[in-house]
Every structure is written in C-alpha cells, then in structure tokens.
Amino acid sequence: MTALNKVDRLAHRDGAPVTGLDDLAGLDLTSPLDAPDAVLISAARGWGLDSLRSRLERRLAEHAPAAPAPARDAWPARRVESSIGV
C-alpha cells in the first residue's frame, strides 16, 4: 500500500489551492509511482487518515495469521489474598 502525503499542497491549474480531498477529484493527478491502491492523505490537515486507517486494518486482517486460543491450563490459577482483613 502506498500513502501519498502532502496533498494539501496541490493546486489547481489556476493556482487556487485544494480545499479538501473532494477537491482533488477535479485535478488531473498522475503519479510517477505505479500505485493503483495509493491513498491520498494530508497528515497536517487530517485529510484521508480515516481511509488510510481503514485500509491498513483490512490489509492487516487479510494477512494476519489466526491466533490460536490459549490452552486452559496456560494461565495457572493463583489465589489472591485481600489486605483489608475480610
């Protein structure tokens, strides 16, 4: 996965700055990277971070090995005594 940061510094052809991720839709964005799954973000402004987080969570879930359940006797029972005299 590729995250392209600093998209808040992009501008329209007339020099007007972009005002949000929705504003990027009107730009002709070409990337030197062959990254069809790229996520556009601006860490400084918080743009696209929820999308990045969601994609990361999905990607990690897809590639994470299934965790085995701990054995019942893996954690020995301990007796805890109260210090309040009850």
N, C-alpha and C. Protein backbone atom coordinates (compact mmCIF):
# COMPACT_ATOMS: atom_id res chain seq x y z
N MET A 1 0.85 -1.17 0.00
CA MET A 1 0.00 0.00 0.00
C MET A 1 0.89 1.23 0.00
N THR A 2 0.46 2.24 -0.72
CA THR A 2 1.20 3.48 -0.82
C THR A 2 0.35 4.62 -0.30
N ALA A 3 0.89 5.42 0.59
CA ALA A 3 0.21 6.63 1.07
C ALA A 3 0.96 7.83 0.50
N LEU A 4 0.24 8.67 -0.22
CA LEU A 4 0.82 9.88 -0.79
C LEU A 4 0.42 11.05 0.09
N ASN A 5 1.37 11.58 0.82
CA ASN A 5 1.14 12.65 1.79
C ASN A 5 1.32 14.02 1.13
N LYS A 6 0.92 15.03 1.85
CA LYS A 6 1.07 16.43 1.46
C LYS A 6 0.19 16.84 0.29
N VAL A 7 -0.95 16.16 0.12
CA VAL A 7 -1.85 16.54 -0.98
C VAL A 7 -2.49 17.91 -0.73
N ASP A 8 -2.37 18.42 0.48
CA ASP A 8 -2.88 19.76 0.76
C ASP A 8 -2.05 20.83 0.07
N ARG A 9 -0.88 20.47 -0.42
CA ARG A 9 -0.01 21.43 -1.12
C ARG A 9 -0.27 21.47 -2.62
N LEU A 10 -1.18 20.63 -3.11
CA LEU A 10 -1.51 20.64 -4.53
C LEU A 10 -2.38 21.85 -4.84
N ALA A 11 -2.36 22.24 -6.11
CA ALA A 11 -3.16 23.40 -6.53
C ALA A 11 -3.79 23.10 -7.88
N HIS A 12 -4.84 23.82 -8.17
CA HIS A 12 -5.48 23.75 -9.48
C HIS A 12 -4.61 24.47 -10.50
N ARG A 13 -4.92 24.30 -11.77
CA ARG A 13 -4.14 24.95 -12.84
C ARG A 13 -4.11 26.47 -12.69
N ASP A 14 -5.20 27.02 -12.11
CA ASP A 14 -5.23 28.48 -11.95
C ASP A 14 -4.49 28.94 -10.69
N GLY A 15 -3.89 28.00 -9.96
CA GLY A 15 -3.12 28.33 -8.77
C GLY A 15 -3.91 28.28 -7.48
N ALA A 16 -5.22 28.09 -7.57
CA ALA A 16 -6.05 28.01 -6.37
C ALA A 16 -5.73 26.72 -5.61
N PRO A 17 -5.51 26.82 -4.30
CA PRO A 17 -5.17 25.62 -3.52
C PRO A 17 -6.37 24.69 -3.40
N VAL A 18 -6.08 23.41 -3.23
CA VAL A 18 -7.16 22.47 -2.97
C VAL A 18 -7.66 22.71 -1.55
N THR A 19 -8.93 22.44 -1.34
CA THR A 19 -9.53 22.71 -0.03
C THR A 19 -9.94 21.44 0.70
N GLY A 20 -9.73 20.30 0.09
CA GLY A 20 -10.09 19.04 0.72
C GLY A 20 -9.94 17.90 -0.27
N LEU A 21 -10.13 16.68 0.20
CA LEU A 21 -9.98 15.53 -0.68
C LEU A 21 -10.99 15.55 -1.81
N ASP A 22 -12.20 16.03 -1.55
CA ASP A 22 -13.20 16.10 -2.61
C ASP A 22 -12.75 17.03 -3.72
N ASP A 23 -11.99 18.02 -3.38
CA ASP A 23 -11.49 18.99 -4.35
C ASP A 23 -10.44 18.36 -5.28
N LEU A 24 -9.82 17.28 -4.85
CA LEU A 24 -8.81 16.62 -5.66
C LEU A 24 -9.40 15.90 -6.86
N ALA A 25 -10.68 15.59 -6.80
CA ALA A 25 -11.32 14.86 -7.89
C ALA A 25 -11.24 15.63 -9.21
N GLY A 26 -11.21 16.95 -9.15
CA GLY A 26 -11.14 17.75 -10.36
C GLY A 26 -9.75 17.91 -10.92
N LEU A 27 -8.74 17.42 -10.22
CA LEU A 27 -7.36 17.55 -10.68
C LEU A 27 -6.97 16.37 -11.54
N ASP A 28 -6.10 16.61 -12.49
CA ASP A 28 -5.54 15.54 -13.31
C ASP A 28 -4.29 15.05 -12.60
N LEU A 29 -4.47 14.07 -11.73
CA LEU A 29 -3.35 13.57 -10.93
C LEU A 29 -2.67 12.42 -11.64
N THR A 30 -1.40 12.58 -11.90
CA THR A 30 -0.59 11.49 -12.41
C THR A 30 0.55 11.29 -11.44
N SER A 31 0.83 10.06 -11.15
CA SER A 31 1.86 9.74 -10.18
C SER A 31 3.02 9.04 -10.88
N PRO A 32 4.24 9.35 -10.48
CA PRO A 32 5.37 8.61 -11.04
C PRO A 32 5.41 7.17 -10.53
N LEU A 33 4.61 6.89 -9.55
CA LEU A 33 4.55 5.54 -8.99
C LEU A 33 3.44 4.75 -9.67
N ASP A 34 3.68 3.48 -9.85
CA ASP A 34 2.61 2.61 -10.34
C ASP A 34 1.91 2.07 -9.11
N ALA A 35 1.03 2.86 -8.55
CA ALA A 35 0.39 2.51 -7.27
C ALA A 35 -1.12 2.68 -7.38
N PRO A 36 -1.80 1.67 -7.95
CA PRO A 36 -3.25 1.79 -8.11
C PRO A 36 -3.99 1.82 -6.77
N ASP A 37 -3.35 1.35 -5.70
CA ASP A 37 -4.01 1.33 -4.39
C ASP A 37 -3.56 2.49 -3.51
N ALA A 38 -2.99 3.52 -4.10
CA ALA A 38 -2.48 4.65 -3.32
C ALA A 38 -3.60 5.37 -2.58
N VAL A 39 -3.28 5.81 -1.39
CA VAL A 39 -4.21 6.57 -0.57
C VAL A 39 -3.68 8.00 -0.50
N LEU A 40 -4.51 8.96 -0.86
CA LEU A 40 -4.12 10.36 -0.79
C LEU A 40 -4.40 10.88 0.60
N ILE A 41 -3.39 11.47 1.24
CA ILE A 41 -3.57 11.98 2.59
C ILE A 41 -2.88 13.33 2.77
N SER A 42 -3.31 14.03 3.77
CA SER A 42 -2.60 15.19 4.29
C SER A 42 -2.57 15.00 5.80
N ALA A 43 -1.42 14.59 6.29
CA ALA A 43 -1.29 14.37 7.73
C ALA A 43 -1.48 15.67 8.50
N ALA A 44 -1.00 16.78 7.93
CA ALA A 44 -1.10 18.07 8.60
C ALA A 44 -2.55 18.51 8.79
N ARG A 45 -3.39 18.22 7.81
CA ARG A 45 -4.79 18.64 7.88
C ARG A 45 -5.75 17.51 8.27
N GLY A 46 -5.23 16.30 8.36
CA GLY A 46 -6.06 15.16 8.74
C GLY A 46 -6.89 14.58 7.60
N TRP A 47 -6.61 14.99 6.38
CA TRP A 47 -7.37 14.50 5.23
C TRP A 47 -6.96 13.07 4.91
N GLY A 48 -7.93 12.20 4.72
CA GLY A 48 -7.67 10.85 4.27
C GLY A 48 -7.14 9.89 5.32
N LEU A 49 -6.98 10.35 6.55
CA LEU A 49 -6.41 9.47 7.57
C LEU A 49 -7.36 8.34 7.96
N ASP A 50 -8.66 8.62 7.98
CA ASP A 50 -9.62 7.56 8.29
C ASP A 50 -9.59 6.49 7.20
N SER A 51 -9.49 6.91 5.96
CA SER A 51 -9.41 5.96 4.85
C SER A 51 -8.13 5.14 4.94
N LEU A 52 -7.03 5.79 5.24
CA LEU A 52 -5.76 5.08 5.39
C LEU A 52 -5.84 4.06 6.53
N ARG A 53 -6.40 4.48 7.65
CA ARG A 53 -6.53 3.58 8.80
C ARG A 53 -7.40 2.37 8.44
N SER A 54 -8.51 2.60 7.75
CA SER A 54 -9.40 1.50 7.36
C SER A 54 -8.69 0.52 6.43
N ARG A 55 -7.98 1.06 5.45
CA ARG A 55 -7.28 0.19 4.51
C ARG A 55 -6.18 -0.60 5.21
N LEU A 56 -5.47 0.04 6.12
CA LEU A 56 -4.43 -0.67 6.88
C LEU A 56 -5.03 -1.79 7.71
N GLU A 57 -6.14 -1.51 8.37
CA GLU A 57 -6.79 -2.53 9.20
C GLU A 57 -7.24 -3.72 8.33
N ARG A 58 -7.82 -3.43 7.16
CA ARG A 58 -8.25 -4.51 6.27
C ARG A 58 -7.05 -5.31 5.78
N ARG A 59 -5.99 -4.62 5.39
CA ARG A 59 -4.81 -5.31 4.87
C ARG A 59 -4.18 -6.18 5.95
N LEU A 60 -4.07 -5.65 7.17
CA LEU A 60 -3.50 -6.44 8.26
C LEU A 60 -4.37 -7.64 8.59
N ALA A 61 -5.68 -7.46 8.57
CA ALA A 61 -6.59 -8.57 8.86
C ALA A 61 -6.48 -9.66 7.79
N GLU A 62 -6.28 -9.26 6.55
CA GLU A 62 -6.15 -10.23 5.46
C GLU A 62 -4.88 -11.06 5.59
N HIS A 63 -3.81 -10.47 6.11
CA HIS A 63 -2.52 -11.13 6.13
C HIS A 63 -2.11 -11.65 7.51
N ALA A 64 -2.91 -11.39 8.51
CA ALA A 64 -2.55 -11.81 9.86
C ALA A 64 -2.85 -13.29 10.05
N PRO A 65 -1.92 -14.02 10.65
CA PRO A 65 -2.21 -15.43 10.92
C PRO A 65 -3.24 -15.52 12.04
N ALA A 66 -4.02 -16.55 11.98
CA ALA A 66 -5.02 -16.76 13.02
C ALA A 66 -4.31 -17.10 14.33
N ALA A 67 -4.66 -16.39 15.37
CA ALA A 67 -4.04 -16.62 16.68
C ALA A 67 -4.72 -17.81 17.34
N PRO A 68 -3.93 -18.77 17.80
CA PRO A 68 -4.55 -19.91 18.48
C PRO A 68 -5.07 -19.48 19.85
N ALA A 69 -6.14 -20.09 20.25
CA ALA A 69 -6.70 -19.80 21.57
C ALA A 69 -5.75 -20.37 22.63
N PRO A 70 -5.54 -19.63 23.72
CA PRO A 70 -4.64 -20.16 24.75
C PRO A 70 -5.24 -21.41 25.40
N ALA A 71 -4.36 -22.33 25.75
CA ALA A 71 -4.81 -23.54 26.42
C ALA A 71 -5.39 -23.18 27.78
N ARG A 72 -6.34 -23.97 28.23
CA ARG A 72 -6.99 -23.68 29.51
C ARG A 72 -6.01 -23.63 30.66
N ASP A 73 -5.01 -24.47 30.58
CA ASP A 73 -4.05 -24.52 31.69
C ASP A 73 -2.82 -23.64 31.44
N ALA A 74 -2.89 -22.80 30.44
CA ALA A 74 -1.76 -21.94 30.13
C ALA A 74 -1.55 -20.87 31.20
N TRP A 75 -2.59 -20.47 31.86
CA TRP A 75 -2.51 -19.46 32.92
C TRP A 75 -2.88 -20.11 34.24
N PRO A 76 -1.91 -20.43 35.06
CA PRO A 76 -2.24 -21.10 36.33
C PRO A 76 -3.06 -20.19 37.23
N ALA A 77 -4.04 -20.79 37.86
CA ALA A 77 -4.87 -20.02 38.79
C ALA A 77 -4.05 -19.67 40.02
N ARG A 78 -4.20 -18.44 40.48
CA ARG A 78 -3.49 -18.01 41.68
C ARG A 78 -4.51 -17.51 42.68
N ARG A 79 -4.22 -17.75 43.93
CA ARG A 79 -5.08 -17.26 44.99
C ARG A 79 -4.62 -15.87 45.38
N VAL A 80 -5.56 -14.96 45.38
CA VAL A 80 -5.24 -13.57 45.73
C VAL A 80 -5.83 -13.31 47.11
N GLU A 81 -4.99 -12.88 48.02
CA GLU A 81 -5.48 -12.61 49.37
C GLU A 81 -5.73 -11.12 49.53
N SER A 82 -6.76 -10.82 50.27
CA SER A 82 -7.15 -9.44 50.47
C SER A 82 -6.33 -8.84 51.63
N SER A 83 -5.99 -7.59 51.48
CA SER A 83 -5.24 -6.91 52.55
C SER A 83 -6.15 -6.07 53.43
N ILE A 84 -7.47 -6.17 53.20
CA ILE A 84 -8.39 -5.34 54.01
C ILE A 84 -8.99 -6.13 55.17
N GLY A 85 -8.52 -7.34 55.38
CA GLY A 85 -8.94 -8.12 56.54
C GLY A 85 -10.31 -8.74 56.43
N VAL A 86 -10.80 -8.95 55.26
CA VAL A 86 -12.13 -9.58 55.10
C VAL A 86 -11.95 -11.05 54.84
